[in-house]
Protein backbone atom coordinates (compact mmCIF):
# COMPACT_ATOMS: atom_id res chain seq x y z
CA UNK A 1 0.00 0.00 0.00
CA UNK A 2 2.84 2.33 0.86
CA UNK A 3 4.42 1.74 -2.55
CA UNK A 4 1.17 2.58 -4.35
CA UNK A 5 0.85 5.80 -2.36
CA UNK A 6 4.48 6.56 -3.01
CA UNK A 7 4.15 5.97 -6.76
CA UNK A 8 1.02 8.13 -6.88
CA UNK A 9 2.83 10.91 -5.05
CA UNK A 10 5.79 10.53 -7.39
CA UNK A 11 3.48 10.74 -10.40
CA UNK A 12 1.76 13.76 -8.87
CA UNK A 13 5.15 15.38 -8.23
CA UNK A 14 6.20 14.67 -11.82
CA UNK A 15 2.97 16.25 -13.07
CA UNK A 16 3.56 19.28 -10.86
CA UNK A 17 7.12 19.62 -12.11
CA UNK A 18 5.94 19.25 -15.72
CA UNK A 19 3.27 21.88 -15.14
CA UNK A 20 5.86 24.18 -13.58
CA UNK A 21 8.18 23.65 -16.55
CA UNK A 22 5.34 24.46 -18.95
CA UNK A 23 4.57 27.60 -16.98
CA UNK A 24 8.22 28.66 -17.00
CA UNK A 25 8.41 28.03 -20.75
CA UNK A 26 5.28 30.15 -21.22
CA UNK A 27 6.73 32.94 -19.08
CA UNK A 28 9.97 32.80 -21.06
CA UNK A 29 8.03 33.00 -24.32
CA UNK A 30 6.03 35.96 -23.01
CA UNK A 31 9.21 37.71 -21.87
CA UNK A 32 10.84 37.22 -25.28
CA UNK A 33 7.72 38.53 -27.02
CA UNK A 34 7.66 41.58 -24.72
CA UNK A 35 11.35 42.21 -25.39
CA UNK A 36 10.75 42.08 -29.15
CA UNK A 37 7.76 44.42 -28.80
CA UNK A 38 9.84 46.89 -26.77
CA UNK A 39 12.62 46.76 -29.36
CA UNK A 40 10.06 47.48 -32.08
CA UNK A 41 8.74 50.47 -30.13
CA UNK A 42 12.26 51.79 -29.63
CA UNK A 43 13.03 51.48 -33.33
CA UNK A 44 9.84 53.35 -34.21
CA UNK A 45 10.82 56.05 -31.71
CA UNK A 46 14.25 56.35 -33.31
CA UNK A 47 12.57 56.61 -36.69
CA UNK A 48 10.46 59.49 -35.34
CA UNK A 49 13.58 61.29 -34.10
CA UNK A 50 15.30 60.74 -37.43
CA UNK A 51 12.28 62.12 -39.31
CA UNK A 52 12.27 65.19 -37.06
CA UNK A 53 15.97 65.76 -37.75
CA UNK A 54 15.48 65.26 -41.48
CA UNK A 55 12.67 67.83 -41.54
CA UNK A 56 14.83 70.31 -39.63
CA UNK A 57 17.75 69.79 -42.01
CA UNK A 58 15.52 70.33 -45.04
CA UNK A 59 14.15 73.56 -43.58
CA UNK A 60 17.66 74.72 -42.64
CA UNK A 61 18.96 74.00 -46.14
CA UNK A 62 16.06 75.94 -47.67
CA UNK A 63 16.66 78.86 -45.29
CA UNK A 64 20.36 78.89 -46.21
CA UNK A 65 19.51 78.83 -49.92
CA UNK A 66 17.01 81.68 -49.57
CA UNK A 67 19.48 83.70 -47.50
CA UNK A 68 22.21 83.17 -50.11
CA UNK A 69 19.86 84.47 -52.85
CA UNK A 70 18.88 87.49 -50.77
CA UNK A 71 22.53 88.24 -49.98
CA UNK A 72 23.46 88.10 -53.67
CA UNK A 73 20.70 90.57 -54.48
CA UNK A 74 21.46 92.94 -51.57
CA UNK A 75 22.53 96.33 -52.91
CA UNK A 76 23.28 98.29 -49.73
CA UNK A 77 24.86 97.70 -46.32
CA UNK A 78 21.48 98.32 -44.71
CA UNK A 79 19.86 95.65 -46.86
CA UNK A 80 22.77 93.30 -46.03
CA UNK A 81 22.17 93.86 -42.30
CA UNK A 82 18.42 93.27 -42.77
CA UNK A 83 19.08 89.94 -44.51
CA UNK A 84 21.49 88.90 -41.75
CA UNK A 85 19.12 89.85 -38.94
CA UNK A 86 16.25 88.13 -40.75
CA UNK A 87 18.46 85.04 -41.05
CA UNK A 88 19.26 85.10 -37.31
CA UNK A 89 15.61 85.50 -36.40
CA UNK A 90 14.61 82.67 -38.75
CA UNK A 91 17.36 80.51 -37.24
CA UNK A 92 16.03 81.07 -33.74
CA UNK A 93 12.49 80.32 -34.90
CA UNK A 94 13.69 77.12 -36.56
CA UNK A 95 15.53 76.11 -33.38
CA UNK A 96 12.37 76.62 -31.31
CA UNK A 97 10.30 74.61 -33.79
CA UNK A 98 12.91 71.83 -33.86
CA UNK A 99 12.93 71.68 -30.05
CA UNK A 100 9.14 71.42 -29.98
CA UNK A 101 9.16 68.65 -32.58
CA UNK A 102 11.81 66.75 -30.61
CA UNK A 103 9.76 67.03 -27.42
CA UNK A 104 6.68 65.80 -29.26
CA UNK A 105 8.64 62.86 -30.69
CA UNK A 106 9.92 62.11 -27.17
CA UNK A 107 6.39 62.11 -25.76
CA UNK A 108 5.20 59.79 -28.52
CA UNK A 109 8.13 57.46 -27.85
CA UNK A 110 7.45 57.49 -24.13
CA UNK A 111 3.78 56.73 -24.68
CA UNK A 112 4.57 53.86 -27.02
CA UNK A 113 7.18 52.41 -24.69
CA UNK A 114 4.91 52.64 -21.65
CA UNK A 115 1.88 51.04 -23.28
CA UNK A 116 3.32 47.50 -23.46
CA UNK A 117 4.66 47.82 -19.91
CA UNK A 118 1.23 48.57 -18.50
CA UNK A 119 -0.29 45.65 -20.39
CA UNK A 120 2.62 43.44 -19.40
CA UNK A 121 2.30 44.28 -15.70
CA UNK A 122 -1.38 43.35 -15.63
CA UNK A 123 -0.72 40.07 -17.43
CA UNK A 124 2.42 39.30 -15.42
CA UNK A 125 0.59 39.63 -12.11
CA UNK A 126 -2.01 37.09 -13.22
CA UNK A 127 0.60 34.78 -14.74
CA UNK A 128 2.83 34.93 -11.67
CA UNK A 129 -0.04 34.02 -9.39
CA UNK A 130 -1.09 31.14 -11.63
CA UNK A 131 2.45 29.89 -12.19
CA UNK A 132 3.51 30.06 -8.56
CA UNK A 133 0.84 27.65 -7.34
CA UNK A 134 2.22 24.49 -9.06
CA UNK A 135 5.77 25.40 -8.05
CA UNK A 136 4.78 25.79 -4.40
CA UNK A 137 2.80 22.55 -4.52
CA UNK A 138 5.73 20.68 -6.06
CA UNK A 139 8.12 22.18 -3.52
CA UNK A 140 5.79 21.28 -0.67
CA UNK A 141 5.31 17.72 -1.91
CA UNK A 142 9.09 17.19 -2.01
CA UNK A 143 9.12 17.61 1.76
CA UNK A 144 5.73 16.22 2.64
CA UNK A 145 5.97 12.97 0.64
CA UNK A 146 8.77 11.43 2.74
CA UNK A 147 7.02 12.54 5.91
CA UNK A 148 3.70 11.09 4.74
CA UNK A 149 5.42 7.84 3.82
CA UNK A 150 7.11 7.70 7.23
CA UNK A 151 3.79 8.34 8.98
CA UNK A 152 2.08 5.70 6.86
CA UNK A 153 4.83 3.20 7.62
CA UNK A 154 4.67 4.00 11.33
CA UNK A 155 0.89 3.67 11.27
CA UNK A 156 0.97 0.21 9.67
CA UNK A 157 3.50 -1.02 12.24
CA UNK A 158 1.26 -0.06 15.18
CA UNK A 159 -1.91 -1.67 13.80
C-alpha atoms as a PDB file:
ATOM      1  CA  UNK A   1       0.000   0.000   0.000  1.00  0.00           C
ATOM      2  CA  UNK A   2       2.836   2.329   0.856  1.00  0.00           C
ATOM      3  CA  UNK A   3       4.418   1.735  -2.549  1.00  0.00           C
ATOM      4  CA  UNK A   4       1.167   2.582  -4.354  1.00  0.00           C
ATOM      5  CA  UNK A   5       0.850   5.795  -2.360  1.00  0.00           C
ATOM      6  CA  UNK A   6       4.484   6.562  -3.008  1.00  0.00           C
ATOM      7  CA  UNK A   7       4.153   5.970  -6.758  1.00  0.00           C
ATOM      8  CA  UNK A   8       1.015   8.131  -6.881  1.00  0.00           C
ATOM      9  CA  UNK A   9       2.826  10.910  -5.050  1.00  0.00           C
ATOM     10  CA  UNK A  10       5.792  10.534  -7.389  1.00  0.00           C
ATOM     11  CA  UNK A  11       3.480  10.739 -10.401  1.00  0.00           C
ATOM     12  CA  UNK A  12       1.757  13.760  -8.865  1.00  0.00           C
ATOM     13  CA  UNK A  13       5.146  15.380  -8.229  1.00  0.00           C
ATOM     14  CA  UNK A  14       6.201  14.673 -11.817  1.00  0.00           C
ATOM     15  CA  UNK A  15       2.970  16.249 -13.073  1.00  0.00           C
ATOM     16  CA  UNK A  16       3.558  19.280 -10.856  1.00  0.00           C
ATOM     17  CA  UNK A  17       7.119  19.623 -12.109  1.00  0.00           C
ATOM     18  CA  UNK A  18       5.938  19.246 -15.718  1.00  0.00           C
ATOM     19  CA  UNK A  19       3.269  21.877 -15.135  1.00  0.00           C
ATOM     20  CA  UNK A  20       5.857  24.177 -13.577  1.00  0.00           C
ATOM     21  CA  UNK A  21       8.181  23.650 -16.551  1.00  0.00           C
ATOM     22  CA  UNK A  22       5.344  24.457 -18.947  1.00  0.00           C
ATOM     23  CA  UNK A  23       4.568  27.598 -16.975  1.00  0.00           C
ATOM     24  CA  UNK A  24       8.216  28.656 -16.996  1.00  0.00           C
ATOM     25  CA  UNK A  25       8.406  28.027 -20.749  1.00  0.00           C
ATOM     26  CA  UNK A  26       5.284  30.151 -21.224  1.00  0.00           C
ATOM     27  CA  UNK A  27       6.727  32.942 -19.084  1.00  0.00           C
ATOM     28  CA  UNK A  28       9.971  32.801 -21.062  1.00  0.00           C
ATOM     29  CA  UNK A  29       8.027  32.996 -24.323  1.00  0.00           C
ATOM     30  CA  UNK A  30       6.025  35.956 -23.005  1.00  0.00           C
ATOM     31  CA  UNK A  31       9.213  37.714 -21.874  1.00  0.00           C
ATOM     32  CA  UNK A  32      10.840  37.216 -25.277  1.00  0.00           C
ATOM     33  CA  UNK A  33       7.719  38.534 -27.018  1.00  0.00           C
ATOM     34  CA  UNK A  34       7.661  41.581 -24.719  1.00  0.00           C
ATOM     35  CA  UNK A  35      11.352  42.207 -25.395  1.00  0.00           C
ATOM     36  CA  UNK A  36      10.749  42.084 -29.151  1.00  0.00           C
ATOM     37  CA  UNK A  37       7.762  44.422 -28.798  1.00  0.00           C
ATOM     38  CA  UNK A  38       9.843  46.893 -26.773  1.00  0.00           C
ATOM     39  CA  UNK A  39      12.622  46.755 -29.361  1.00  0.00           C
ATOM     40  CA  UNK A  40      10.064  47.476 -32.076  1.00  0.00           C
ATOM     41  CA  UNK A  41       8.735  50.467 -30.128  1.00  0.00           C
ATOM     42  CA  UNK A  42      12.262  51.790 -29.629  1.00  0.00           C
ATOM     43  CA  UNK A  43      13.034  51.482 -33.333  1.00  0.00           C
ATOM     44  CA  UNK A  44       9.838  53.351 -34.214  1.00  0.00           C
ATOM     45  CA  UNK A  45      10.820  56.053 -31.705  1.00  0.00           C
ATOM     46  CA  UNK A  46      14.248  56.349 -33.308  1.00  0.00           C
ATOM     47  CA  UNK A  47      12.567  56.611 -36.694  1.00  0.00           C
ATOM     48  CA  UNK A  48      10.462  59.486 -35.344  1.00  0.00           C
ATOM     49  CA  UNK A  49      13.576  61.291 -34.099  1.00  0.00           C
ATOM     50  CA  UNK A  50      15.302  60.737 -37.431  1.00  0.00           C
ATOM     51  CA  UNK A  51      12.276  62.116 -39.309  1.00  0.00           C
ATOM     52  CA  UNK A  52      12.275  65.187 -37.058  1.00  0.00           C
ATOM     53  CA  UNK A  53      15.965  65.761 -37.747  1.00  0.00           C
ATOM     54  CA  UNK A  54      15.483  65.264 -41.479  1.00  0.00           C
ATOM     55  CA  UNK A  55      12.675  67.828 -41.539  1.00  0.00           C
ATOM     56  CA  UNK A  56      14.832  70.313 -39.629  1.00  0.00           C
ATOM     57  CA  UNK A  57      17.751  69.790 -42.007  1.00  0.00           C
ATOM     58  CA  UNK A  58      15.519  70.326 -45.037  1.00  0.00           C
ATOM     59  CA  UNK A  59      14.150  73.556 -43.581  1.00  0.00           C
ATOM     60  CA  UNK A  60      17.657  74.717 -42.637  1.00  0.00           C
ATOM     61  CA  UNK A  61      18.957  73.999 -46.144  1.00  0.00           C
ATOM     62  CA  UNK A  62      16.055  75.937 -47.671  1.00  0.00           C
ATOM     63  CA  UNK A  63      16.661  78.857 -45.285  1.00  0.00           C
ATOM     64  CA  UNK A  64      20.361  78.894 -46.211  1.00  0.00           C
ATOM     65  CA  UNK A  65      19.510  78.833 -49.920  1.00  0.00           C
ATOM     66  CA  UNK A  66      17.010  81.680 -49.574  1.00  0.00           C
ATOM     67  CA  UNK A  67      19.483  83.696 -47.504  1.00  0.00           C
ATOM     68  CA  UNK A  68      22.207  83.175 -50.114  1.00  0.00           C
ATOM     69  CA  UNK A  69      19.858  84.469 -52.850  1.00  0.00           C
ATOM     70  CA  UNK A  70      18.881  87.491 -50.768  1.00  0.00           C
ATOM     71  CA  UNK A  71      22.531  88.236 -49.977  1.00  0.00           C
ATOM     72  CA  UNK A  72      23.461  88.097 -53.671  1.00  0.00           C
ATOM     73  CA  UNK A  73      20.700  90.571 -54.477  1.00  0.00           C
ATOM     74  CA  UNK A  74      21.460  92.938 -51.573  1.00  0.00           C
ATOM     75  CA  UNK A  75      22.532  96.327 -52.908  1.00  0.00           C
ATOM     76  CA  UNK A  76      23.279  98.291 -49.733  1.00  0.00           C
ATOM     77  CA  UNK A  77      24.857  97.698 -46.325  1.00  0.00           C
ATOM     78  CA  UNK A  78      21.477  98.320 -44.712  1.00  0.00           C
ATOM     79  CA  UNK A  79      19.857  95.651 -46.862  1.00  0.00           C
ATOM     80  CA  UNK A  80      22.766  93.302 -46.032  1.00  0.00           C
ATOM     81  CA  UNK A  81      22.168  93.856 -42.301  1.00  0.00           C
ATOM     82  CA  UNK A  82      18.419  93.272 -42.771  1.00  0.00           C
ATOM     83  CA  UNK A  83      19.076  89.945 -44.508  1.00  0.00           C
ATOM     84  CA  UNK A  84      21.494  88.904 -41.754  1.00  0.00           C
ATOM     85  CA  UNK A  85      19.119  89.854 -38.935  1.00  0.00           C
ATOM     86  CA  UNK A  86      16.255  88.128 -40.751  1.00  0.00           C
ATOM     87  CA  UNK A  87      18.464  85.045 -41.054  1.00  0.00           C
ATOM     88  CA  UNK A  88      19.257  85.096 -37.313  1.00  0.00           C
ATOM     89  CA  UNK A  89      15.608  85.498 -36.398  1.00  0.00           C
ATOM     90  CA  UNK A  90      14.609  82.671 -38.753  1.00  0.00           C
ATOM     91  CA  UNK A  91      17.356  80.509 -37.244  1.00  0.00           C
ATOM     92  CA  UNK A  92      16.026  81.069 -33.741  1.00  0.00           C
ATOM     93  CA  UNK A  93      12.494  80.323 -34.900  1.00  0.00           C
ATOM     94  CA  UNK A  94      13.687  77.117 -36.556  1.00  0.00           C
ATOM     95  CA  UNK A  95      15.529  76.106 -33.383  1.00  0.00           C
ATOM     96  CA  UNK A  96      12.373  76.617 -31.311  1.00  0.00           C
ATOM     97  CA  UNK A  97      10.301  74.608 -33.795  1.00  0.00           C
ATOM     98  CA  UNK A  98      12.915  71.827 -33.860  1.00  0.00           C
ATOM     99  CA  UNK A  99      12.926  71.682 -30.050  1.00  0.00           C
ATOM    100  CA  UNK A 100       9.143  71.419 -29.975  1.00  0.00           C
ATOM    101  CA  UNK A 101       9.161  68.651 -32.584  1.00  0.00           C
ATOM    102  CA  UNK A 102      11.813  66.746 -30.611  1.00  0.00           C
ATOM    103  CA  UNK A 103       9.760  67.029 -27.425  1.00  0.00           C
ATOM    104  CA  UNK A 104       6.681  65.801 -29.265  1.00  0.00           C
ATOM    105  CA  UNK A 105       8.641  62.856 -30.694  1.00  0.00           C
ATOM    106  CA  UNK A 106       9.918  62.111 -27.172  1.00  0.00           C
ATOM    107  CA  UNK A 107       6.393  62.108 -25.756  1.00  0.00           C
ATOM    108  CA  UNK A 108       5.202  59.794 -28.518  1.00  0.00           C
ATOM    109  CA  UNK A 109       8.128  57.458 -27.852  1.00  0.00           C
ATOM    110  CA  UNK A 110       7.447  57.489 -24.125  1.00  0.00           C
ATOM    111  CA  UNK A 111       3.777  56.734 -24.684  1.00  0.00           C
ATOM    112  CA  UNK A 112       4.573  53.865 -27.022  1.00  0.00           C
ATOM    113  CA  UNK A 113       7.184  52.414 -24.690  1.00  0.00           C
ATOM    114  CA  UNK A 114       4.915  52.636 -21.651  1.00  0.00           C
ATOM    115  CA  UNK A 115       1.876  51.035 -23.277  1.00  0.00           C
ATOM    116  CA  UNK A 116       3.322  47.502 -23.463  1.00  0.00           C
ATOM    117  CA  UNK A 117       4.664  47.824 -19.909  1.00  0.00           C
ATOM    118  CA  UNK A 118       1.230  48.574 -18.497  1.00  0.00           C
ATOM    119  CA  UNK A 119      -0.295  45.648 -20.386  1.00  0.00           C
ATOM    120  CA  UNK A 120       2.620  43.438 -19.404  1.00  0.00           C
ATOM    121  CA  UNK A 121       2.296  44.281 -15.700  1.00  0.00           C
ATOM    122  CA  UNK A 122      -1.379  43.352 -15.626  1.00  0.00           C
ATOM    123  CA  UNK A 123      -0.722  40.071 -17.427  1.00  0.00           C
ATOM    124  CA  UNK A 124       2.418  39.298 -15.423  1.00  0.00           C
ATOM    125  CA  UNK A 125       0.590  39.625 -12.108  1.00  0.00           C
ATOM    126  CA  UNK A 126      -2.005  37.086 -13.219  1.00  0.00           C
ATOM    127  CA  UNK A 127       0.597  34.779 -14.740  1.00  0.00           C
ATOM    128  CA  UNK A 128       2.828  34.930 -11.672  1.00  0.00           C
ATOM    129  CA  UNK A 129      -0.044  34.015  -9.393  1.00  0.00           C
ATOM    130  CA  UNK A 130      -1.093  31.140 -11.628  1.00  0.00           C
ATOM    131  CA  UNK A 131       2.449  29.894 -12.188  1.00  0.00           C
ATOM    132  CA  UNK A 132       3.509  30.058  -8.557  1.00  0.00           C
ATOM    133  CA  UNK A 133       0.840  27.649  -7.339  1.00  0.00           C
ATOM    134  CA  UNK A 134       2.218  24.490  -9.061  1.00  0.00           C
ATOM    135  CA  UNK A 135       5.767  25.402  -8.051  1.00  0.00           C
ATOM    136  CA  UNK A 136       4.782  25.785  -4.404  1.00  0.00           C
ATOM    137  CA  UNK A 137       2.796  22.552  -4.520  1.00  0.00           C
ATOM    138  CA  UNK A 138       5.730  20.680  -6.063  1.00  0.00           C
ATOM    139  CA  UNK A 139       8.121  22.177  -3.518  1.00  0.00           C
ATOM    140  CA  UNK A 140       5.788  21.278  -0.666  1.00  0.00           C
ATOM    141  CA  UNK A 141       5.313  17.718  -1.912  1.00  0.00           C
ATOM    142  CA  UNK A 142       9.088  17.192  -2.012  1.00  0.00           C
ATOM    143  CA  UNK A 143       9.123  17.609   1.765  1.00  0.00           C
ATOM    144  CA  UNK A 144       5.734  16.221   2.644  1.00  0.00           C
ATOM    145  CA  UNK A 145       5.974  12.969   0.636  1.00  0.00           C
ATOM    146  CA  UNK A 146       8.771  11.426   2.736  1.00  0.00           C
ATOM    147  CA  UNK A 147       7.017  12.536   5.910  1.00  0.00           C
ATOM    148  CA  UNK A 148       3.701  11.087   4.742  1.00  0.00           C
ATOM    149  CA  UNK A 149       5.423   7.836   3.823  1.00  0.00           C
ATOM    150  CA  UNK A 150       7.108   7.703   7.226  1.00  0.00           C
ATOM    151  CA  UNK A 151       3.792   8.344   8.982  1.00  0.00           C
ATOM    152  CA  UNK A 152       2.078   5.703   6.862  1.00  0.00           C
ATOM    153  CA  UNK A 153       4.832   3.196   7.620  1.00  0.00           C
ATOM    154  CA  UNK A 154       4.666   3.996  11.335  1.00  0.00           C
ATOM    155  CA  UNK A 155       0.892   3.668  11.275  1.00  0.00           C
ATOM    156  CA  UNK A 156       0.972   0.213   9.674  1.00  0.00           C
ATOM    157  CA  UNK A 157       3.503  -1.022  12.243  1.00  0.00           C
ATOM    158  CA  UNK A 158       1.257  -0.063  15.177  1.00  0.00           C
ATOM    159  CA  UNK A 159      -1.911  -1.674  13.797  1.00  0.00           C
END
